[in-house]
Structures are given as C-alpha cells and as structure tokens.
Amino acid sequence: MTRAARQPARAPPDADSLFTELGTPEVRRFMWAPPPDAGAFAQFIDWAHAERATGKYICYGIVPRGETHAAGVFELRQLQPGFVRGELGFVLASRPQTSDR
C-alpha cells in the first residue's frame, strides 16, 4: 500500500493532508483525538521534530504509492528512559484498496 515511510513529516503540506485524512469518522474512532485543525497538526510535526532531537520520540509520515503527501503516521514513543519501554502506534487514512501495483 505504501511506497515508503518518510521521516520526518513536513509541515504544512503534510499537516494539511494529515488533518484531512485522519480527521474522518472512520479513522478517528480508532485513535486518540487528532489535532483540531491543520495548524495544530503543523505544531504537532514541529513538536515531533524537537522530541526526535532529544531521542524520546520518532514519527514517520506514510506516503501512498503515487502520491506526494502523508496519509498516515507510524510513531514510537519512549515510556522509560533509554527506551526500556516504548509505545508503537500507527494510523492510516481510510481508503478503498486499489490494484495498481
């Protein structure tokens, strides 16, 4: 389904697409509440960059094959120092599957 995971996500192009793709009811029911608007998604992306620099968080944007903007994310969050314990999460846009491989 995806061409590759891209790191890091870019704001604002990815903020706009992530707000649109992940704000649908089909996706929201499976995740924590997403940022309330594209501007807040851009702030989340900036925060993710800062947390990555400290070694506490990693977030990859997922770009579907043939597209240029993120339609989901994979994230890894440190729960204990040194990543003794961590949390992995992901969310993808709800789209029909295509067979154009």
Protein backbone atom coordinates (compact mmCIF):
# COMPACT_ATOMS: atom_id res chain seq x y z
CA MET A 1 0.00 0.00 0.00
CA THR A 2 2.76 2.48 0.76
CA ARG A 3 5.74 3.46 -1.30
CA ALA A 4 7.84 4.06 1.79
CA ALA A 5 7.80 5.65 5.19
CA ARG A 6 9.30 9.10 5.05
CA GLN A 7 10.89 10.76 8.01
CA PRO A 8 10.34 13.41 9.12
CA ALA A 9 6.89 14.65 8.17
CA ARG A 10 6.87 18.12 6.60
CA ALA A 11 4.73 20.99 7.79
CA PRO A 12 2.48 22.47 6.35
CA PRO A 13 1.97 20.17 3.30
CA ASP A 14 1.75 17.06 5.48
CA ALA A 15 -0.18 18.94 8.17
CA ASP A 16 -2.92 19.76 5.68
CA SER A 17 -3.15 16.22 4.30
CA LEU A 18 -2.96 14.57 7.73
CA PHE A 19 -5.72 16.80 9.08
CA THR A 20 -7.93 15.89 6.14
CA GLU A 21 -7.10 12.17 6.00
CA LEU A 22 -7.06 11.40 9.73
CA GLY A 23 -9.98 13.58 10.72
CA THR A 24 -12.62 11.34 9.16
CA PRO A 25 -15.01 9.47 11.49
CA GLU A 26 -13.82 6.11 10.07
CA VAL A 27 -10.27 6.84 11.24
CA ARG A 28 -10.94 8.87 14.39
CA ARG A 29 -12.77 6.02 16.11
CA PHE A 30 -9.51 4.04 16.25
CA MET A 31 -7.19 6.74 17.59
CA TRP A 32 -6.79 9.40 20.21
CA ALA A 33 -8.33 12.70 19.22
CA PRO A 34 -6.24 14.21 16.42
CA PRO A 35 -5.18 17.86 16.46
CA PRO A 36 -8.26 20.06 15.86
CA ASP A 37 -7.02 21.78 12.69
CA ALA A 38 -4.19 21.83 10.14
CA GLY A 39 -2.32 24.49 12.14
CA ALA A 40 -2.33 22.24 15.20
CA PHE A 41 -1.06 19.35 13.04
CA ALA A 42 1.81 21.61 11.94
CA GLN A 43 2.58 22.28 15.61
CA PHE A 44 2.50 18.51 16.27
CA ILE A 45 5.01 17.98 13.43
CA ASP A 46 7.28 20.68 14.88
CA TRP A 47 6.95 19.07 18.34
CA ALA A 48 7.79 15.65 16.85
CA HIS A 49 10.98 17.09 15.30
CA ALA A 50 12.01 18.56 18.67
CA GLU A 51 11.27 15.32 20.55
CA ARG A 52 13.21 13.31 17.97
CA ALA A 53 16.22 15.56 18.57
CA THR A 54 16.09 14.60 22.28
CA GLY A 55 15.79 10.88 21.48
CA LYS A 56 12.34 10.49 23.04
CA TYR A 57 10.07 10.16 20.01
CA ILE A 58 10.11 9.15 16.36
CA CYS A 59 7.35 9.83 13.86
CA TYR A 60 7.33 8.73 10.22
CA GLY A 61 4.89 10.04 7.63
CA ILE A 62 3.38 7.38 5.36
CA VAL A 63 3.08 8.38 1.71
CA PRO A 64 0.98 6.07 -0.51
CA ARG A 65 2.49 4.98 -3.81
CA GLY A 66 1.94 7.61 -6.49
CA GLU A 67 1.14 10.38 -4.01
CA THR A 68 3.19 13.22 -2.55
CA HIS A 69 1.57 13.87 0.84
CA ALA A 70 1.29 11.82 4.01
CA ALA A 71 -1.83 9.74 4.57
CA GLY A 72 -0.83 8.33 7.95
CA VAL A 73 1.93 8.04 10.53
CA PHE A 74 3.95 5.49 12.45
CA GLU A 75 5.20 6.70 15.81
CA LEU A 76 7.45 5.33 18.53
CA ARG A 77 7.33 6.99 21.92
CA GLN A 78 9.67 6.43 24.84
CA LEU A 79 7.88 5.47 28.07
CA GLN A 80 11.00 4.89 30.17
CA PRO A 81 14.48 6.39 29.81
CA GLY A 82 16.67 4.61 27.28
CA PHE A 83 13.59 3.15 25.56
CA VAL A 84 13.49 0.36 28.16
CA ARG A 85 9.76 0.55 27.49
CA GLY A 86 8.18 2.23 24.49
CA GLU A 87 4.90 2.55 22.70
CA LEU A 88 4.40 1.97 18.99
CA GLY A 89 1.37 3.36 17.23
CA PHE A 90 0.19 3.89 13.70
CA VAL A 91 -2.78 5.31 11.90
CA LEU A 92 -3.65 5.24 8.19
CA ALA A 93 -6.28 7.02 6.16
CA SER A 94 -9.39 5.01 5.35
CA ARG A 95 -9.35 4.49 1.58
CA PRO A 96 -10.53 1.87 -0.86
CA GLN A 97 -7.79 -0.57 -1.84
CA THR A 98 -6.60 -0.25 -5.44
CA SER A 99 -4.88 -2.86 -7.56
CA ASP A 100 -2.48 -0.59 -9.47
CA ARG A 101 0.74 -2.21 -8.29
